[in-house]
Protein backbone atom coordinates (compact mmCIF):
# COMPACT_ATOMS: atom_id res chain seq x y z
CA MET A 1 0.17 -0.04 -0.16
CA LYS A 2 1.73 3.75 -0.92
CA LYS A 3 1.97 5.54 2.10
CA LYS A 4 0.20 8.96 2.00
CA GLU A 5 2.27 11.75 1.64
CA GLN A 6 2.81 14.00 4.90
CA TYR A 7 2.18 18.00 4.76
CA ILE A 8 3.05 20.39 6.92
CA LYS A 9 1.07 23.72 7.63
CA ILE A 10 3.67 27.23 7.76
CA LYS A 11 1.66 30.20 7.02
CA ASN A 12 -1.27 30.44 4.82
CA LEU A 13 0.39 27.26 2.76
CA SER A 14 0.25 23.54 2.74
CA VAL A 15 4.24 22.70 2.00
CA SER A 16 5.23 18.63 1.36
CA LYS A 17 7.07 17.19 4.32
CA ILE A 18 9.92 16.24 1.82
CA LEU A 19 10.05 19.76 0.02
CA PHE A 20 10.21 21.62 3.81
CA ASP A 21 13.03 19.48 4.87
CA PHE A 22 14.76 19.59 1.92
CA ILE A 23 14.89 23.54 1.90
CA ASN A 24 14.55 23.48 5.67
CA ASN A 25 17.91 20.92 6.11
CA GLU A 26 19.68 21.34 2.65
CA LEU A 27 18.80 24.59 0.67
CA LEU A 28 18.86 27.63 3.05
CA LYS A 29 22.25 26.12 4.74
CA GLY A 30 23.52 26.37 1.42
CA ILE A 31 22.54 30.00 0.71
CA HIS A 32 22.29 31.16 4.31
CA ILE A 33 19.30 32.57 4.70
CA LYS A 34 16.62 32.28 8.16
CA LYS A 35 13.80 29.67 7.62
CA ASP A 36 11.51 32.55 9.21
CA VAL A 37 12.68 35.04 6.11
CA PHE A 38 12.12 32.53 3.62
CA TRP A 39 8.95 31.01 4.61
CA ASP A 40 7.58 34.65 5.20
CA GLY A 41 8.54 36.16 2.12
CA PHE A 42 7.57 32.81 -0.09
CA ASN A 43 3.94 32.98 1.62
CA LYS A 44 3.80 36.61 0.40
CA ALA A 45 4.81 35.59 -2.88
CA THR A 46 2.65 32.89 -3.03
CA SER A 47 -0.54 34.95 -1.82
CA GLU A 48 -0.21 37.21 -4.68
CA LEU A 49 0.82 35.38 -7.08
CA VAL A 50 -1.31 32.05 -7.22
CA PRO A 51 -5.13 34.08 -8.13
CA LYS A 52 -3.21 35.91 -10.87
CA ASN A 53 -1.60 32.28 -11.82
CA LYS A 54 -4.95 30.73 -11.87
CA LYS A 55 -6.45 33.57 -14.36
CA LEU A 56 -3.97 33.31 -16.04
CA LEU A 57 -4.34 29.11 -17.04
CA GLU A 58 -8.28 30.40 -16.99
CA THR A 59 -7.47 31.92 -20.30
CA ARG A 60 -5.28 29.99 -21.42
CA GLU A 61 -7.77 26.63 -21.11
CA LYS A 62 -10.10 28.89 -22.98
CA LEU A 63 -8.23 29.95 -25.86
CA GLN A 64 -6.96 26.43 -26.20
CA LYS A 65 -10.37 24.90 -26.61
CA SER A 66 -11.12 27.75 -29.00
CA ILE A 67 -8.23 26.94 -31.03
CA ASP A 68 -8.66 23.10 -31.04
CA ALA A 69 -12.69 23.47 -31.90
CA PHE A 70 -10.93 26.00 -35.02
CA HIS A 71 -9.15 22.94 -36.41
CA LEU A 72 -11.93 20.27 -35.58
CA GLU A 73 -13.78 22.19 -37.57
CA ARG A 74 -11.36 22.06 -40.64
CA LYS A 75 -10.20 18.44 -40.04
CA ASN A 76 -8.92 17.39 -43.43
CA LYS A 77 -8.91 20.79 -45.23
CA LYS A 78 -6.49 22.47 -46.56
CA LEU A 79 -5.38 25.61 -43.41
CA ASP A 80 -6.66 28.94 -44.71
CA LEU A 81 -3.49 31.00 -43.02
CA LYS A 82 -5.00 34.17 -43.65
CA ALA A 83 -8.08 32.96 -42.05
CA TYR A 84 -6.18 31.21 -38.99
CA GLN A 85 -4.64 34.41 -38.10
CA LYS A 86 -8.08 36.74 -38.62
CA PHE A 87 -9.49 33.84 -36.15
CA LEU A 88 -6.23 34.27 -33.38
CA LYS A 89 -6.70 38.33 -33.53
CA LYS A 90 -10.70 37.76 -32.61
CA ILE A 91 -9.84 34.96 -29.34
CA ASP A 92 -7.19 37.84 -28.50
CA TYR A 93 -4.63 35.00 -28.87
CA LEU A 94 -2.66 37.66 -31.06
CA LYS A 95 -1.60 41.45 -30.64
CA LYS A 96 -1.66 44.17 -33.01
CA PRO A 97 2.06 45.43 -32.26
CA GLY A 98 2.57 48.14 -29.51
CA PRO A 99 5.32 50.95 -29.63
CA ASN A 100 8.66 49.84 -29.42
CA PHE A 101 10.00 49.60 -25.83
CA LYS A 102 13.03 48.99 -23.55
CA ILE A 103 13.71 46.62 -20.93
CA LEU A 104 17.16 47.87 -19.38
CA THR A 105 19.07 45.38 -18.14
CA LYS A 106 21.61 47.16 -15.02
CA CYS A 107 22.57 45.15 -12.74
CA VAL A 108 21.14 42.07 -13.79
CA ASP A 109 23.22 38.97 -14.22
CA LYS A 110 24.61 38.27 -17.37
CA GLU A 111 22.75 34.87 -17.86
CA ILE A 112 19.78 36.98 -18.47
CA SER A 113 21.42 40.66 -19.62
CA SER A 114 24.12 39.27 -22.04
CA ILE A 115 24.11 35.75 -23.05
CA CYS A 116 21.43 33.69 -24.50
CA GLY A 117 19.39 30.81 -23.44
CA PRO A 118 18.57 28.02 -25.46
CA GLN A 119 15.60 28.03 -27.43
CA LEU A 120 13.67 25.39 -26.19
CA VAL A 121 10.57 26.64 -27.42
CA CYS A 122 10.19 28.02 -30.80
CA PRO A 123 7.89 28.53 -33.94
CA ILE A 124 7.67 25.74 -36.14
CA SER A 125 7.42 28.15 -39.10
CA ASN A 126 11.17 29.25 -38.34
CA ALA A 127 13.61 27.23 -39.70
CA ARG A 128 16.50 28.68 -37.84
CA PHE A 129 14.86 28.80 -34.20
CA LEU A 130 14.30 25.13 -34.77
CA LEU A 131 17.39 24.21 -35.92
CA ASN A 132 18.99 26.16 -32.57
CA ALA A 133 16.66 24.01 -30.97
CA ALA A 134 17.68 20.96 -31.57
CA ASN A 135 21.00 22.41 -30.58
CA ALA A 136 20.23 23.47 -27.32
CA ARG A 137 18.79 20.49 -26.07
CA TRP A 138 22.47 18.76 -25.43
CA VAL A 139 25.25 20.94 -24.00
CA SER A 140 28.60 19.66 -23.36
CA LEU A 141 29.94 19.18 -20.11
CA TYR A 142 33.64 19.18 -20.68
CA ASP A 143 32.87 22.85 -23.04
CA SER A 144 31.02 23.80 -19.73
CA LEU A 145 33.53 23.11 -17.33
CA TYR A 146 36.69 24.62 -19.15
CA GLY A 147 35.01 27.85 -20.21
CA THR A 148 33.66 28.49 -17.13
CA ASP A 149 34.05 29.58 -13.38
CA ILE A 150 32.17 25.91 -12.40
CA ILE A 151 35.84 25.05 -11.89
CA PRO A 152 38.34 27.83 -10.73
CA GLU A 153 41.39 29.42 -12.17
CA THR A 154 43.41 28.53 -9.32
CA GLN A 155 46.42 26.02 -8.36
CA GLY A 156 47.49 26.04 -12.25
CA ALA A 157 43.77 25.67 -13.92
CA VAL A 158 43.77 29.13 -15.81
CA LYS A 159 41.63 28.80 -19.17
CA GLY A 160 44.30 30.71 -20.74
CA LYS A 161 44.32 31.00 -24.46
CA THR A 162 45.03 27.41 -25.62
CA TYR A 163 44.51 24.26 -24.04
CA ASN A 164 46.18 24.12 -20.66
CA PRO A 165 46.26 19.90 -19.20
CA ILE A 166 45.80 20.92 -15.55
CA ARG A 167 42.48 22.43 -16.02
CA GLY A 168 41.68 19.51 -18.48
CA LYS A 169 42.60 16.83 -15.69
CA LYS A 170 39.58 19.05 -13.60
CA VAL A 171 37.61 18.62 -15.92
CA ILE A 172 37.89 15.09 -15.60
CA GLU A 173 37.79 14.30 -12.43
CA TYR A 174 34.75 17.04 -11.98
CA ALA A 175 33.23 14.77 -14.54
CA ARG A 176 33.70 11.99 -13.19
CA ASN A 177 32.39 12.40 -9.36
CA LEU A 178 28.98 13.45 -11.68
CA LEU A 179 29.25 10.67 -12.73
CA ASP A 180 29.71 8.97 -9.36
CA LYS A 181 26.55 10.68 -8.20
CA PHE A 182 24.06 10.51 -11.12
CA ILE A 183 25.33 7.24 -12.68
CA PRO A 184 26.58 5.49 -9.68
CA LEU A 185 28.53 2.38 -9.97
CA ARG A 186 27.91 -0.76 -7.42
CA ASN A 187 31.25 -1.47 -5.87
CA ASN A 188 33.45 1.14 -7.44
CA SER A 189 34.08 4.29 -8.86
CA TRP A 190 34.01 6.08 -12.31
CA ASN A 191 37.69 7.38 -11.53
CA ASP A 192 38.79 3.71 -10.81
CA LEU A 193 38.03 2.91 -14.35
CA LYS A 194 41.58 1.92 -16.03
CA LYS A 195 39.67 0.96 -19.13
CA ILE A 196 37.22 1.88 -21.73
CA PRO A 197 34.01 -0.52 -20.57
CA GLU A 198 32.61 -3.02 -23.36
CA VAL A 199 29.27 -4.30 -24.49
CA LYS A 200 28.77 -7.63 -25.24
CA ASN A 201 25.18 -8.96 -26.59
CA ASN A 202 23.41 -5.59 -26.01
CA LYS A 203 25.08 -6.14 -22.09
CA LEU A 204 27.40 -3.22 -20.57
CA ASN A 205 30.44 -4.90 -18.22
CA LEU A 206 30.10 -2.30 -15.58
CA LYS A 207 27.96 -3.03 -12.46
CA LEU A 208 25.69 -0.50 -12.06
CA LYS A 209 23.78 0.04 -8.49
CA ASN A 210 20.72 0.50 -10.90
CA PRO A 211 20.84 -1.38 -13.94
CA SER A 212 18.14 0.09 -16.04
CA GLN A 213 20.16 3.50 -16.40
CA PHE A 214 21.87 2.63 -19.55
CA VAL A 215 19.34 2.19 -21.83
CA GLY A 216 21.90 2.44 -25.37
CA TYR A 217 25.28 2.59 -26.97
CA ASN A 218 26.65 3.52 -30.12
CA ILE A 219 29.59 1.70 -32.15
CA LYS A 220 31.94 2.95 -35.27
CA SER A 221 34.21 1.15 -36.96
CA ASN A 222 33.62 -1.87 -34.61
CA GLN A 223 34.37 -0.29 -31.46
CA LEU A 224 32.09 1.55 -28.68
CA SER A 225 31.63 5.32 -29.44
CA SER A 226 29.00 6.08 -27.10
CA LEU A 227 26.97 4.64 -23.72
CA LEU A 228 23.32 6.18 -22.81
CA PHE A 229 22.62 6.50 -20.19
CA ILE A 230 19.45 8.16 -17.70
CA ASN A 231 18.90 9.71 -14.97
CA ASN A 232 15.34 10.86 -13.31
CA ASN A 233 14.55 11.03 -17.48
CA LEU A 234 17.46 12.97 -18.47
CA HIS A 235 19.66 12.12 -20.69
CA ILE A 236 23.46 11.77 -20.79
CA ASP A 237 25.53 10.58 -23.18
CA ILE A 238 29.37 9.56 -23.01
CA LEU A 239 31.49 9.60 -25.86
CA PHE A 240 34.72 7.88 -26.29
CA ASP A 241 37.46 8.35 -28.85
CA GLN A 242 39.43 5.61 -29.45
CA SER A 243 41.24 6.25 -32.21
CA GLY A 244 43.51 8.71 -31.41
CA SER A 245 43.36 10.74 -33.94
CA MET A 246 41.12 13.88 -32.56
CA GLU A 247 44.77 14.71 -30.82
CA ILE A 248 44.38 18.54 -31.64
CA ASN A 249 40.38 19.15 -31.08
CA ASN A 250 40.08 16.11 -28.41
CA PRO A 251 42.98 17.05 -25.39
CA GLU A 252 40.86 15.86 -22.70
CA GLY A 253 40.01 12.48 -24.51
CA ASN A 254 43.57 11.91 -25.17
CA GLN A 255 44.15 12.72 -21.30
CA ASP A 256 41.65 10.54 -20.20
CA LYS A 257 42.67 6.53 -19.76
CA ILE A 258 39.32 5.44 -20.47
CA LYS A 259 39.37 7.70 -23.27
CA ILE A 260 36.20 9.84 -22.77
CA HIS A 261 36.05 12.46 -24.84
CA ASP A 262 33.15 14.85 -23.83
CA ILE A 263 29.54 13.81 -21.87
CA PHE A 264 26.55 15.29 -23.40
CA LEU A 265 24.20 16.25 -21.59
CA GLU A 266 19.85 17.11 -21.89
CA SER A 267 20.34 20.91 -21.26
CA GLU A 268 18.08 20.49 -17.77
CA PHE A 269 20.33 18.28 -16.33
CA LEU A 270 23.17 20.56 -16.41
CA LEU A 271 21.20 23.03 -15.03
CA PHE A 272 19.92 20.65 -12.58
CA ALA A 273 23.63 19.11 -11.83
CA THR A 274 25.39 22.62 -11.37
CA MET A 275 22.70 23.88 -8.87
CA LYS A 276 22.51 20.62 -6.72
CA THR A 277 27.00 20.83 -6.64
CA ALA A 278 26.35 24.00 -5.96
CA LEU A 279 24.37 24.31 -2.97
CA GLN A 280 27.02 21.29 -1.27
CA LEU A 281 29.76 24.05 -1.43
């Protein structure tokens, strides 16, 4: 029988005990905010925003039903874009363009003010946007670690203008620890592996704590080129370079004892992993 989830009453809120304990015992310790301050602010924010959010959801539901009805009435007929646009304006889904305006970005983090974010939602009619969205879906963990301040430039680990093997080693160590955390092995660590894993008869020779995390692999020229894993429905693709022909473009792969030349993560996974790591510092 499934255990009933417990809730904690605080202010005007009813909070899952799991979430309540996580915020009080882990999250707030990492960001040094007092419990009373957090819950007072969160209670105020939800009191102000929940009614607005409900109204927005009702508006969205109404619009969606109107759009669904429009298409169902014209099922199997060629879409008239002009008539469709007229309909969308009629139901206030499309608005007339307003006057030009500017949004100030003073005192705003660079991630918002000057760095382009991934276009995970985009119009299907714009091919360039679709390509950007597809490319943004996956991100290189090695590039993200080497080129940002996730790894500090201390003890010789400076980014520099050319590849720095000291920093490269730290990238590899960080990535191994991340694999231990999200794809743990049963009896040892990813740091202890001395040779490239093998797949025979669709079975991986690594013993995972959770074998169902292994979901696929790729072979090129009769050699293993990638292993695909999953964690919380987000994928981790470990890429291997066994050819030794990518020495300039793939320094980490040649520096790595099991020839991992990159690890690609679904973009949401990288955000989750880096946030969770930051909260534990």
